[in-house]
Amino acid sequence: MKKNSVFILGINFLHSDASACLFRDGVLIAASEEERFTRIKHTALFPERAIIFCLKEANLDISDIDFVTINSNPLSGFVKKLIYLFSNFSSIKIAVLSLLNTKKKISIKKYLDKIDLNKNFKGKIKFINHHESHIASSVYFSNFSECANLSIDGFGDFSSSASGFYADDKLKIDSKIYFPHSLGIFYQSLTQFLGFKSYGDEYKVMGLSSYGKPKYFNKISKIVKKTNFGFELNLKYFIHHKKKIFHINDSGQYIYKNLYSKKLIELLGPERHPEEKITQHHFDLARSIQEVYEDVFFHLINKVYEKYKVENLTISGGCAMNSLANGKIDNKTKFKNIYVSPNPGDAGGAIGSACIFIKNNFNFKIKVENYSYLGSWYTNDEILTQINKMELKNKFKVQFMKYDELYPLIAKALTEEKIIGWFQGKMEWGPRALGNRSILADPRNVNIKNIINLKIKRRESFRPFAPSIMREHVGDWFVNNKNVPYMSEVQAIKKEKRILIPGVTHVDGSGRLQSVLENENKHYYRLIKEFYKITGVPIILNTSFNENEPIVNDPIDAINCYKRTNMDILVLGNWVISR
């Protein structure tokens, strides 16, 4: 197979959420984030174990790889960098840090050679622009023949946003917004201000915002300003352009100092400390932050529409994870069709970098069997080996069940307030559990959030759980009848339906929608269908299978999570474990 095929390994390295993917002749056959193997959230270290997984999926070793693509190009925006540095001497430290990271990227061959001490990497390494990689990770899987494209994040290759146009199978990037201006930095800074200091905590502000009112909209609008070309930060409220504000620790985690200056405290009052009680004031701040973000976000999107005037839009980059804003795009802009990939952030850029290289150098058609599920998978025999190894039969009831027996059993258990760990098929690609590494519960139970938090999650009470719904029933339960397979949009639940599914209805009457098709996830769809037969509700509560850790990857992770928590039933393939 090697002689007749071209193998391209795409990686995300020295950004958060290190990842790897593998293409064979333009076909995407595997992808995973490094955190799933190391169990360290958002790790930015070299994705060695993710690469090993991808190679194993194709029965290859590192010497078989023809090209490695990286979603960062040290030369991108080089002139812009020089101009900025010569005019801002306070940023020399930032420049040195950037150069050190560049050196690591350029010496990447030594990392690849360490994967197998007996086989060296013999291929070529290609550096691809960060935002072009973001956009490609969406556009080539969107099924749009033409579309406008927008990438928004913190920073990558000295820019925070890029827009472009795709038609005739060609992608062109037309404009960018450069350092130090960033909508991602704006949101992250104010997330820190609200006391959520860990990298990736922005989703907490989204959940918090529904409890508040936009009392501070005018004040926060002073921090970021809309412009004719997009937006600008009022830099007096920030320090990221003056000081080194983050480092990567030995585990590969991003550790951030506060991104904001004392001027922000003067504007908004005291910052919230992480252990401080959340009050209505904080709810109102969160709502104001979200609405200012959306005001700028929709302004930027409308500028893109004015330029290209097409119906289709792809959104990518870390800011594409703001599902609250995503759900309003078709109402707040003139775009009619929106596509967000299952992994729009830095991890997804690994796939995008490979796509760009493929399109520029080969005649391959980019294809994937199922973009949602590209990670690790295990046979029933492999699962049984782990069950026996961990001696579960001595402590729990363990039985093998055919799926025709399994679906009704688990559906009935859900109606009895049981919390289910559901482990099936290939690991999800992206940060959201989509029914293969999920914890499931009955959405009709008004107390289910408290039950899950008590038994398993132990997380903030203001954070909602997601409804997974059979695709054909979306229009019956949601105001907008949309196909949203990756939980990328928050949508309004119909008023008369909210009382029926309180477990997945947020305080504002919304839910982070996951529409489920049988041909995309057979087992999950059929379980929901069985629950529907019993209850008349075609919806199951879905949250990620984890406990303050990355989503479980293999059977051992799932079993350990089950043992440490009060989860009632664990389903591993056809194996059912109960207490």
Protein backbone atom coordinates (compact mmCIF):
# COMPACT_ATOMS: atom_id res chain seq x y z
CA MET A 1 0.00 0.00 0.00
CA LYS A 2 2.83 2.41 0.77
CA LYS A 3 4.26 2.30 -2.75
CA ASN A 4 0.96 3.34 -4.31
CA SER A 5 -0.22 5.83 -1.70
CA VAL A 6 0.75 9.23 -0.31
CA PHE A 7 0.58 9.53 3.48
CA ILE A 8 0.34 12.96 5.05
CA LEU A 9 0.50 13.51 8.80
CA GLY A 10 -1.00 16.80 10.02
CA ILE A 11 -0.08 18.05 13.49
CA ASN A 12 -0.88 20.87 15.89
CA PHE A 13 2.16 21.60 18.04
CA LEU A 14 3.05 24.41 20.46
CA HIS A 15 -0.50 25.62 20.42
CA SER A 16 -3.04 24.40 22.95
CA ASP A 17 -4.74 21.08 22.26
CA ALA A 18 -1.85 19.33 20.53
CA SER A 19 -3.18 16.86 17.98
CA ALA A 20 -2.41 14.68 14.98
CA CYS A 21 -4.28 13.37 11.95
CA LEU A 22 -3.48 11.08 9.04
CA PHE A 23 -4.51 11.29 5.37
CA ARG A 24 -4.05 8.54 2.80
CA ASP A 25 -4.42 9.86 -0.76
CA GLY A 26 -6.64 12.68 0.46
CA VAL A 27 -8.82 10.43 2.67
CA LEU A 28 -8.84 11.36 6.37
CA ILE A 29 -8.54 8.07 8.24
CA ALA A 30 -7.65 9.02 11.84
CA ALA A 31 -7.31 12.01 14.17
CA SER A 32 -6.98 12.57 17.89
CA GLU A 33 -5.91 15.12 20.49
CA GLU A 34 -2.84 14.33 22.59
CA GLU A 35 -4.74 15.04 25.84
CA ARG A 36 -6.85 11.92 25.34
CA PHE A 37 -3.75 9.78 25.85
CA THR A 38 -1.74 11.84 28.36
CA ARG A 39 -4.88 12.77 30.41
CA ILE A 40 -3.59 16.36 30.64
CA LYS A 41 -6.16 18.92 29.47
CA HIS A 42 -5.22 21.15 26.53
CA THR A 43 -1.61 19.93 26.46
CA ALA A 44 0.62 21.79 23.98
CA LEU A 45 3.47 19.28 24.02
CA PHE A 46 4.51 17.36 20.93
CA PRO A 47 1.58 15.00 20.06
CA GLU A 48 3.66 11.84 20.15
CA ARG A 49 0.94 9.47 21.36
CA ALA A 50 -1.65 10.91 18.99
CA ILE A 51 0.79 10.35 16.12
CA ILE A 52 1.43 6.77 17.26
CA PHE A 53 -2.34 6.16 17.30
CA CYS A 54 -2.71 7.52 13.75
CA LEU A 55 0.17 5.38 12.48
CA LYS A 56 -1.29 2.30 14.13
CA GLU A 57 -4.65 2.89 12.43
CA ALA A 58 -2.96 2.60 9.02
CA ASN A 59 -0.40 -0.04 10.06
CA LEU A 60 2.48 2.33 9.33
CA ASP A 61 5.62 3.52 11.03
CA ILE A 62 7.05 7.04 10.96
CA SER A 63 9.37 6.20 8.06
CA ASP A 64 6.31 5.56 5.86
CA ILE A 65 5.08 9.15 6.14
CA ASP A 66 5.73 11.25 3.05
CA PHE A 67 4.88 14.68 4.45
CA VAL A 68 4.22 16.26 7.82
CA THR A 69 2.22 19.48 7.86
CA ILE A 70 2.09 21.90 10.79
CA ASN A 71 -0.65 24.49 11.28
CA SER A 72 1.79 27.32 11.79
CA ASN A 73 4.22 29.09 9.51
CA PRO A 74 7.08 31.01 11.20
CA LEU A 75 7.36 33.28 8.16
CA SER A 76 3.69 34.32 8.08
CA GLY A 77 3.22 38.01 8.78
CA PHE A 78 6.99 38.47 9.07
CA VAL A 79 6.97 42.05 7.78
CA LYS A 80 4.06 42.91 10.12
CA LYS A 81 6.04 41.45 13.04
CA LEU A 82 9.12 43.53 12.24
CA ILE A 83 7.15 46.75 11.89
CA TYR A 84 5.34 46.13 15.17
CA LEU A 85 8.52 45.22 17.07
CA PHE A 86 10.48 48.23 15.86
CA SER A 87 7.66 50.51 16.96
CA ASN A 88 7.04 48.73 20.29
CA PHE A 89 10.30 48.04 22.14
CA SER A 90 8.35 46.84 25.16
CA SER A 91 7.43 43.75 23.15
CA ILE A 92 11.02 42.44 22.74
CA LYS A 93 10.40 39.72 25.34
CA ILE A 94 7.37 38.55 23.39
CA ALA A 95 9.46 38.47 20.23
CA VAL A 96 12.15 36.33 21.90
CA LEU A 97 9.48 33.89 23.12
CA SER A 98 8.08 33.70 19.61
CA LEU A 99 11.53 33.00 18.17
CA LEU A 100 12.10 30.20 20.68
CA ASN A 101 8.82 28.56 19.67
CA THR A 102 9.80 29.00 16.02
CA LYS A 103 13.09 27.23 16.69
CA LYS A 104 11.22 24.30 18.22
CA LYS A 105 8.92 24.07 15.22
CA ILE A 106 11.79 24.19 12.74
CA SER A 107 13.61 21.41 14.58
CA ILE A 108 10.54 19.19 14.55
CA LYS A 109 12.35 16.32 12.79
CA LYS A 110 14.08 15.40 16.04
CA TYR A 111 10.66 14.96 17.68
CA LEU A 112 9.50 12.74 14.82
CA ASP A 113 12.64 10.61 14.97
CA LYS A 114 12.02 9.89 18.67
CA ILE A 115 8.69 8.17 17.92
CA ASP A 116 10.50 5.00 16.86
CA LEU A 117 14.20 4.78 17.68
CA ASN A 118 14.63 2.12 14.98
CA LYS A 119 12.89 4.11 12.21
CA ASN A 120 13.63 7.69 11.25
CA PHE A 121 11.32 10.12 9.54
CA LYS A 122 12.35 10.38 5.88
CA GLY A 123 9.69 12.70 4.52
CA LYS A 124 9.39 16.47 4.25
CA ILE A 125 8.02 18.99 6.75
CA LYS A 126 5.69 21.73 5.56
CA PHE A 127 4.60 24.80 7.52
CA ILE A 128 1.10 26.10 6.76
CA ASN A 129 -0.41 29.40 7.87
CA HIS A 130 -2.39 29.10 11.09
CA HIS A 131 -5.64 30.78 10.05
CA GLU A 132 -5.60 29.26 6.58
CA SER A 133 -5.41 25.90 8.37
CA HIS A 134 -8.37 26.83 10.58
CA ILE A 135 -10.50 27.75 7.58
CA ALA A 136 -9.51 24.66 5.61
CA SER A 137 -10.52 22.37 8.48
CA SER A 138 -14.09 23.60 7.95
CA VAL A 139 -14.45 24.50 4.29
CA TYR A 140 -13.36 21.16 2.79
CA PHE A 141 -15.90 19.26 4.91
CA SER A 142 -18.80 21.71 4.69
CA ASN A 143 -20.33 20.40 1.44
CA PHE A 144 -20.53 24.03 0.25
CA SER A 145 -19.59 24.52 -3.41
CA GLU A 146 -18.95 28.18 -2.57
CA CYS A 147 -18.82 30.02 0.74
CA ALA A 148 -17.37 32.89 2.70
CA ASN A 149 -15.00 31.86 5.48
CA LEU A 150 -14.07 33.46 8.77
CA SER A 151 -11.49 32.36 11.34
CA ILE A 152 -11.31 34.05 14.75
CA ASP A 153 -9.15 33.08 17.73
CA GLY A 154 -6.60 34.39 20.23
CA PHE A 155 -3.52 34.52 18.01
CA GLY A 156 -1.74 32.40 15.47
CA ASP A 157 1.06 33.49 13.15
CA PHE A 158 0.72 37.08 14.42
CA SER A 159 -2.94 37.41 13.45
CA SER A 160 -6.21 36.85 15.30
CA SER A 161 -8.68 36.72 12.44
CA ALA A 162 -8.76 35.95 8.73
CA SER A 163 -11.48 35.93 6.10
CA GLY A 164 -11.64 34.59 2.62
CA PHE A 165 -13.70 32.98 -0.12
CA TYR A 166 -14.02 29.44 -1.45
CA ALA A 167 -15.30 28.58 -4.95
CA ASP A 168 -14.32 26.25 -7.79
CA ASP A 169 -12.46 24.15 -5.22
CA LYS A 170 -10.07 27.02 -4.52
CA LEU A 171 -9.61 28.80 -1.20
CA LYS A 172 -8.38 32.41 -1.10
CA ILE A 173 -7.62 34.42 2.06
CA ASP A 174 -8.29 38.11 1.50
CA SER A 175 -7.87 39.93 4.81
CA LYS A 176 -6.55 39.56 8.37
CA ILE A 177 -6.63 41.33 11.72
CA TYR A 178 -3.19 41.38 13.35
CA PHE A 179 -1.60 41.38 16.79
CA PRO A 180 -2.26 42.92 19.32
CA HIS A 181 -5.98 43.12 18.42
CA SER A 182 -7.93 39.94 19.18
CA LEU A 183 -11.54 39.07 19.95
CA GLY A 184 -10.31 35.85 21.57
CA ILE A 185 -8.03 37.81 23.91
CA PHE A 186 -10.92 40.14 24.76
CA TYR A 187 -13.11 37.22 25.87
CA GLN A 188 -10.30 35.36 27.65
CA SER A 189 -9.27 38.49 29.58
CA LEU A 190 -12.78 39.07 30.88
CA THR A 191 -13.15 35.37 31.66
CA GLN A 192 -10.11 35.78 33.92
CA PHE A 193 -11.64 38.94 35.41
CA LEU A 194 -14.68 36.86 36.42
CA GLY A 195 -12.42 34.47 38.32
CA PHE A 196 -12.13 31.65 35.80
CA LYS A 197 -8.37 31.44 35.40
CA SER A 198 -7.78 28.12 33.65
CA TYR A 199 -7.13 28.01 29.94
CA GLY A 200 -10.35 27.19 28.08
CA ASP A 201 -12.76 28.44 30.79
CA GLU A 202 -14.66 30.74 28.41
CA TYR A 203 -17.57 28.29 28.20
CA LYS A 204 -18.27 29.02 31.88
CA VAL A 205 -18.93 32.67 31.07
CA MET A 206 -21.32 31.57 28.33
CA GLY A 207 -23.28 29.47 30.81
CA LEU A 208 -23.21 32.24 33.41
CA SER A 209 -24.43 34.91 31.00
CA SER A 210 -27.98 33.53 30.71
CA TYR A 211 -28.61 34.40 34.37
CA GLY A 212 -27.79 38.09 33.97
CA LYS A 213 -28.74 41.32 32.25
CA PRO A 214 -26.42 43.44 30.06
CA LYS A 215 -26.09 46.24 32.63
CA TYR A 216 -22.44 46.88 31.79
CA PHE A 217 -22.70 46.76 28.00
CA ASN A 218 -21.70 50.41 27.53
CA LYS A 219 -18.72 50.13 29.86
CA ILE A 220 -17.42 46.93 28.29
CA SER A 221 -17.93 48.41 24.82
CA LYS A 222 -15.09 50.79 25.70
CA ILE A 223 -12.72 47.81 25.77
CA VAL A 224 -13.25 46.68 22.15
CA LYS A 225 -14.33 48.98 19.32
CA LYS A 226 -15.94 48.18 15.98
CA THR A 227 -14.13 49.63 12.97
CA ASN A 228 -14.60 49.76 9.22
CA PHE A 229 -12.24 46.81 8.79
CA GLY A 230 -13.41 44.85 11.81
CA PHE A 231 -12.46 45.75 15.38
CA GLU A 232 -9.72 47.10 17.63
CA LEU A 233 -8.90 46.54 21.29
CA ASN A 234 -8.50 49.55 23.55
CA LEU A 235 -5.00 48.50 24.58
CA LYS A 236 -4.95 50.48 27.81
CA TYR A 237 -7.11 47.70 29.30
CA PHE A 238 -4.66 44.90 28.32
CA ILE A 239 -1.06 43.87 28.94
CA HIS A 240 -0.59 40.95 26.50
CA HIS A 241 1.22 43.25 24.06
CA LYS A 242 3.68 44.44 26.73
CA LYS A 243 4.58 41.45 28.87
CA LYS A 244 5.04 37.72 28.72
CA ILE A 245 1.71 36.61 30.09
CA PHE A 246 1.89 32.84 29.67
CA HIS A 247 4.20 29.86 29.75
CA ILE A 248 3.88 26.17 28.96
CA ASN A 249 4.61 23.99 32.00
CA ASP A 250 6.29 20.57 31.98
CA SER A 251 2.92 18.91 31.36
CA GLY A 252 2.30 21.06 28.34
CA GLN A 253 -0.44 23.14 29.97
CA TYR A 254 -0.79 26.81 29.18
CA ILE A 255 -0.44 28.80 32.40
CA TYR A 256 -1.72 32.35 31.97
CA LYS A 257 -1.16 35.42 34.07
CA ASN A 258 -3.91 38.01 33.95
CA LEU A 259 -4.21 39.47 30.48
CA TYR A 260 -5.86 42.67 31.66
CA SER A 261 -4.42 45.86 33.17
CA LYS A 262 -5.41 47.78 36.30
CA LYS A 263 -7.47 50.06 34.04
CA LEU A 264 -10.04 47.27 33.67
CA ILE A 265 -10.50 47.13 37.45
CA GLU A 266 -10.93 50.90 37.47
CA LEU A 267 -13.62 50.53 34.80
CA LEU A 268 -15.56 47.54 36.17
CA GLY A 269 -14.73 47.41 39.84
CA PRO A 270 -13.07 44.60 41.80
CA GLU A 271 -12.15 41.41 39.97
CA ARG A 272 -13.73 38.19 41.21
CA HIS A 273 -11.37 35.76 42.93
CA PRO A 274 -11.74 32.07 41.99
CA GLU A 275 -13.09 31.03 45.40
CA GLU A 276 -15.42 34.01 45.73
CA LYS A 277 -19.18 33.42 45.63
CA ILE A 278 -20.83 34.22 42.29
CA THR A 279 -23.38 37.01 42.70
CA GLN A 280 -25.92 38.73 40.47
CA HIS A 281 -23.24 41.30 39.70
CA HIS A 282 -21.13 38.58 38.12
CA PHE A 283 -24.12 37.22 36.20
CA ASP A 284 -24.70 40.70 34.79
CA LEU A 285 -21.04 41.11 33.91
CA ALA A 286 -21.07 37.77 32.08
CA ARG A 287 -24.17 38.75 30.11
CA SER A 288 -22.61 42.10 29.21
CA ILE A 289 -19.37 40.42 28.10
CA GLN A 290 -21.26 37.97 25.90
CA GLU A 291 -23.39 40.69 24.31
CA VAL A 292 -20.42 42.96 23.56
CA TYR A 293 -18.63 39.95 22.06
CA GLU A 294 -21.68 39.18 19.92
CA ASP A 295 -22.00 42.83 18.83
CA VAL A 296 -18.45 42.79 17.47
CA PHE A 297 -18.74 39.21 16.18
CA PHE A 298 -21.84 39.95 14.09
CA HIS A 299 -20.31 43.21 12.88
CA LEU A 300 -17.32 41.24 11.61
CA ILE A 301 -19.55 38.63 9.96
CA ASN A 302 -21.66 41.32 8.30
CA LYS A 303 -18.48 42.91 6.90
CA VAL A 304 -17.63 39.51 5.42
CA TYR A 305 -21.12 39.26 3.90
CA GLU A 306 -20.86 42.73 2.37
CA LYS A 307 -17.64 41.64 0.68
CA TYR A 308 -18.70 38.27 -0.73
CA LYS A 309 -22.55 38.31 -0.79
CA VAL A 310 -23.09 34.54 -0.69
CA GLU A 311 -25.51 32.49 1.44
CA ASN A 312 -22.96 30.13 2.97
CA LEU A 313 -20.48 30.79 5.77
CA THR A 314 -17.92 28.67 7.62
CA ILE A 315 -16.73 29.76 11.06
CA SER A 316 -13.49 28.40 12.53
CA GLY A 317 -10.87 29.18 15.16
CA GLY A 318 -11.27 29.06 18.93
CA CYS A 319 -14.04 31.68 18.88
CA ALA A 320 -16.15 29.27 16.82
CA MET A 321 -16.65 27.39 20.11
CA ASN A 322 -18.96 30.20 21.29
CA SER A 323 -22.14 28.25 20.62
CA LEU A 324 -24.32 31.04 22.04
CA ALA A 325 -23.19 33.46 19.34
CA ASN A 326 -23.17 30.78 16.62
CA GLY A 327 -26.84 30.06 17.21
CA LYS A 328 -27.77 33.65 16.35
CA ILE A 329 -25.77 34.08 13.13
CA ASP A 330 -28.65 33.31 10.78
CA ASN A 331 -30.88 35.84 12.64
CA LYS A 332 -28.27 38.58 13.07
CA THR A 333 -26.68 38.38 9.62
CA LYS A 334 -27.70 37.71 6.03
CA PHE A 335 -26.00 34.33 5.85
CA LYS A 336 -28.50 31.47 5.53
CA ASN A 337 -26.30 28.41 5.96
CA ILE A 338 -23.65 28.15 8.67
CA TYR A 339 -21.05 25.40 9.08
CA VAL A 340 -18.85 24.87 12.12
CA SER A 341 -16.66 21.76 12.20
CA PRO A 342 -16.63 19.38 15.21
CA ASN A 343 -13.15 20.67 16.13
CA PRO A 344 -12.81 24.30 15.00
CA GLY A 345 -9.99 25.27 17.40
CA ASP A 346 -6.25 24.70 17.31
CA ALA A 347 -6.52 20.90 17.32
CA GLY A 348 -8.61 21.03 14.14
CA GLY A 349 -5.88 23.06 12.48
CA ALA A 350 -3.85 19.85 12.16
CA ILE A 351 -6.41 18.60 9.65
CA GLY A 352 -6.63 21.98 7.95
CA SER A 353 -2.87 22.19 7.39
CA ALA A 354 -2.89 18.80 5.68
CA CYS A 355 -5.87 19.83 3.52
CA ILE A 356 -4.08 22.98 2.31
CA PHE A 357 -0.99 21.00 1.37
CA ILE A 358 -3.03 18.32 -0.40
CA LYS A 359 -4.96 20.87 -2.43
CA ASN A 360 -1.80 22.74 -3.42
CA ASN A 361 0.17 19.67 -4.46
CA PHE A 362 -2.11 16.78 -5.44
CA ASN A 363 -5.29 16.04 -7.35
CA PHE A 364 -6.78 14.04 -4.48
CA LYS A 365 -10.35 14.68 -3.43
CA ILE A 366 -10.49 15.31 0.31
CA LYS A 367 -12.85 12.78 1.89
CA VAL A 368 -13.79 11.39 5.28
CA GLU A 369 -16.23 8.66 6.26
CA ASN A 370 -17.46 10.42 9.39
CA TYR A 371 -15.91 13.71 10.51
CA SER A 372 -17.35 13.40 14.03
CA TYR A 373 -15.61 10.18 14.99
CA LEU A 374 -11.95 9.65 14.10
CA GLY A 375 -10.31 8.50 17.33
CA SER A 376 -9.52 5.31 19.24
CA TRP A 377 -11.82 2.29 19.10
CA TYR A 378 -11.90 -1.12 20.75
CA THR A 379 -13.40 -4.50 19.96
CA ASN A 380 -15.56 -6.37 22.47
CA ASP A 381 -12.68 -8.83 22.97
CA GLU A 382 -10.27 -5.99 23.78
CA ILE A 383 -12.81 -4.56 26.22
CA LEU A 384 -13.23 -7.97 27.88
CA THR A 385 -9.45 -8.22 28.32
CA GLN A 386 -9.51 -4.97 30.30
CA ILE A 387 -12.55 -6.05 32.32
CA ASN A 388 -10.71 -9.23 33.33
CA LYS A 389 -7.45 -7.39 33.96
CA MET A 390 -9.20 -5.04 36.37
CA GLU A 391 -11.11 -7.95 37.98
CA LEU A 392 -14.46 -6.21 37.59
CA LYS A 393 -16.42 -9.43 37.77
CA ASN A 394 -15.42 -9.73 41.43
CA LYS A 395 -16.91 -6.35 42.32
CA PHE A 396 -19.67 -5.63 39.79
CA LYS A 397 -22.29 -7.37 37.69
CA VAL A 398 -20.84 -7.86 34.20
CA GLN A 399 -22.86 -9.17 31.26
CA PHE A 400 -22.63 -9.31 27.48
CA MET A 401 -25.75 -8.17 25.64
CA LYS A 402 -26.74 -7.96 22.00
CA TYR A 403 -27.73 -4.45 20.94
CA ASP A 404 -31.38 -5.43 20.46
CA GLU A 405 -31.46 -6.28 24.17
CA LEU A 406 -29.14 -3.45 25.19
CA TYR A 407 -31.11 -0.49 23.83
CA PRO A 408 -34.37 -1.24 25.75
CA LEU A 409 -32.47 -2.07 28.94
CA ILE A 410 -30.55 1.22 28.98
CA ALA A 411 -33.57 3.27 27.83
CA LYS A 412 -35.58 1.85 30.74
CA ALA A 413 -32.71 2.50 33.16
CA LEU A 414 -32.66 6.14 32.07
CA THR A 415 -36.35 6.48 33.00
CA GLU A 416 -35.44 5.17 36.49
CA GLU A 417 -33.03 8.06 37.19
CA LYS A 418 -29.99 5.95 36.39
CA ILE A 419 -26.83 7.70 35.17
CA ILE A 420 -25.24 5.85 32.27
CA GLY A 421 -21.65 5.84 31.03
CA TRP A 422 -21.92 5.18 27.28
CA PHE A 423 -18.74 4.05 25.49
CA GLN A 424 -19.10 3.05 21.83
CA GLY A 425 -17.10 2.96 18.59
CA LYS A 426 -14.56 5.62 17.67
CA MET A 427 -13.64 8.46 19.99
CA GLU A 428 -15.13 11.84 19.05
CA TRP A 429 -12.95 14.32 17.16
CA GLY A 430 -13.20 17.56 19.08
CA PRO A 431 -13.98 18.81 22.56
CA ARG A 432 -17.61 17.67 22.73
CA ALA A 433 -18.96 14.25 23.52
CA LEU A 434 -21.30 13.30 20.67
CA GLY A 435 -22.64 9.95 21.85
CA ASN A 436 -19.58 7.70 21.78
CA ARG A 437 -17.88 8.86 25.00
CA SER A 438 -20.89 10.29 26.82
CA ILE A 439 -22.64 10.28 30.17
CA LEU A 440 -26.39 9.99 29.60
CA ALA A 441 -29.47 10.78 31.68
CA ASP A 442 -33.21 11.43 31.48
CA PRO A 443 -33.86 15.04 30.34
CA ARG A 444 -37.39 14.98 31.87
CA ASN A 445 -36.02 14.94 35.42
CA VAL A 446 -36.08 18.42 36.94
CA ASN A 447 -33.43 17.37 39.50
CA ILE A 448 -31.10 15.62 37.06
CA LYS A 449 -28.46 18.40 37.00
CA ASN A 450 -28.05 18.13 40.75
CA ILE A 451 -28.00 14.33 40.58
CA ILE A 452 -25.24 14.30 37.93
CA ASN A 453 -23.20 16.92 39.74
CA LEU A 454 -23.56 15.01 43.01
CA LYS A 455 -22.76 11.61 41.52
CA ILE A 456 -20.12 12.49 38.96
CA LYS A 457 -19.29 15.94 37.65
CA ARG A 458 -19.02 18.10 40.77
CA ARG A 459 -19.10 21.20 38.58
CA GLU A 460 -20.71 24.64 38.75
CA SER A 461 -24.51 24.50 38.98
CA PHE A 462 -25.00 27.23 36.37
CA ARG A 463 -23.55 25.11 33.55
CA PRO A 464 -26.22 23.44 31.39
CA PHE A 465 -26.31 19.95 29.91
CA ALA A 466 -26.96 19.31 26.22
CA PRO A 467 -29.98 17.69 24.53
CA SER A 468 -29.26 15.00 21.93
CA ILE A 469 -32.30 14.68 19.68
CA MET A 470 -33.25 12.51 16.71
CA ARG A 471 -32.80 14.75 13.67
CA GLU A 472 -36.32 14.29 12.33
CA HIS A 473 -37.81 15.63 15.59
CA VAL A 474 -35.76 18.84 15.90
CA GLY A 475 -38.55 20.99 14.40
CA ASP A 476 -41.05 19.62 16.93
CA TRP A 477 -38.98 20.67 19.92
CA PHE A 478 -36.81 23.58 18.81
CA VAL A 479 -37.87 26.94 17.35
CA ASN A 480 -35.46 26.50 14.44
CA ASN A 481 -35.51 23.20 12.59
CA LYS A 482 -31.77 22.92 12.01
CA ASN A 483 -29.27 20.12 11.61
CA VAL A 484 -26.59 20.83 14.23
CA PRO A 485 -24.67 17.55 14.66
CA TYR A 486 -21.66 18.90 16.62
CA MET A 487 -23.30 20.93 19.44
CA SER A 488 -21.99 24.07 17.75
CA GLU A 489 -25.14 26.16 18.30
CA VAL A 490 -27.38 27.04 21.21
CA GLN A 491 -30.99 27.12 19.99
CA ALA A 492 -34.29 28.11 21.61
CA ILE A 493 -36.50 25.25 22.78
CA LYS A 494 -40.20 25.75 22.05
CA LYS A 495 -41.97 27.27 25.05
CA GLU A 496 -44.52 24.50 25.39
CA LYS A 497 -41.76 21.87 25.36
CA ARG A 498 -39.47 23.37 27.99
CA ILE A 499 -41.48 22.05 30.92
CA LEU A 500 -41.18 18.52 29.48
CA ILE A 501 -37.36 18.51 29.38
CA PRO A 502 -36.16 20.67 32.31
CA GLY A 503 -32.91 18.71 32.57
CA VAL A 504 -31.62 20.13 29.28
CA THR A 505 -33.46 23.47 29.22
CA HIS A 506 -31.22 26.31 30.31
CA VAL A 507 -32.52 29.20 32.39
CA ASP A 508 -33.14 31.24 29.19
CA GLY A 509 -35.16 28.46 27.52
CA SER A 510 -32.34 27.28 25.27
CA GLY A 511 -30.36 24.11 24.71
CA ARG A 512 -26.99 23.37 23.08
CA LEU A 513 -28.40 21.30 20.25
CA GLN A 514 -27.04 18.00 18.99
CA SER A 515 -29.11 16.55 16.16
CA VAL A 516 -28.46 12.82 15.70
CA LEU A 517 -28.76 10.93 12.40
CA GLU A 518 -28.87 7.15 12.29
CA ASN A 519 -26.35 6.91 9.44
CA GLU A 520 -23.84 8.98 11.46
CA ASN A 521 -24.18 7.25 14.85
CA LYS A 522 -26.29 4.10 14.65
CA HIS A 523 -26.04 2.96 18.25
CA TYR A 524 -26.68 6.35 19.81
CA TYR A 525 -29.60 7.08 17.50
CA ARG A 526 -31.23 3.72 18.25
CA LEU A 527 -30.85 4.22 21.99
CA ILE A 528 -32.58 7.62 21.74
CA LYS A 529 -35.27 6.01 19.57
CA GLU A 530 -35.87 3.35 22.21
CA PHE A 531 -36.14 6.05 24.89
CA TYR A 532 -38.64 7.83 22.64
CA LYS A 533 -40.78 4.66 22.40
CA ILE A 534 -41.05 4.52 26.18
CA THR A 535 -41.43 8.23 27.00
CA GLY A 536 -42.61 10.05 23.87
CA VAL A 537 -39.51 12.27 24.21
CA PRO A 538 -36.93 11.84 21.39
CA ILE A 539 -34.19 13.43 23.49
CA ILE A 540 -31.48 12.23 25.88
CA LEU A 541 -29.35 14.38 28.17
CA ASN A 542 -25.73 14.17 27.02
CA THR A 543 -22.61 15.33 28.81
CA SER A 544 -18.98 14.38 28.34
CA PHE A 545 -17.71 11.14 29.87
CA ASN A 546 -15.18 12.51 32.33
CA GLU A 547 -14.68 13.87 35.82
CA ASN A 548 -12.57 17.06 35.72
CA GLU A 549 -10.26 15.48 33.17
CA PRO A 550 -10.12 15.00 29.38
CA ILE A 551 -12.91 12.86 27.92
CA VAL A 552 -12.20 9.17 28.48
CA ASN A 553 -10.34 7.56 25.64
CA ASP A 554 -10.01 3.84 26.28
CA PRO A 555 -11.87 1.21 28.35
CA ILE A 556 -9.47 1.64 31.27
CA ASP A 557 -10.20 5.39 31.45
CA ALA A 558 -13.94 4.64 31.37
CA ILE A 559 -13.73 1.93 34.03
CA ASN A 560 -11.62 4.11 36.33
CA CYS A 561 -14.11 6.98 35.99
CA TYR A 562 -16.96 4.58 36.73
CA LYS A 563 -15.20 3.25 39.84
CA ARG A 564 -14.36 6.70 41.24
CA THR A 565 -17.87 8.10 40.80
CA ASN A 566 -21.41 7.00 41.60
CA MET A 567 -22.37 6.31 38.00
CA ASP A 568 -25.01 3.58 37.94
CA ILE A 569 -24.30 1.64 34.74
CA LEU A 570 -21.30 1.50 32.42
CA VAL A 571 -21.80 0.31 28.83
CA LEU A 572 -18.59 -0.62 26.97
CA GLY A 573 -19.55 -1.80 23.50
CA ASN A 574 -21.79 -4.78 24.21
CA TRP A 575 -20.53 -5.20 27.77
CA VAL A 576 -22.79 -3.89 30.55
CA ILE A 577 -21.34 -3.24 34.01
CA SER A 578 -23.61 -2.40 36.93
CA ARG A 579 -23.31 -2.08 40.70
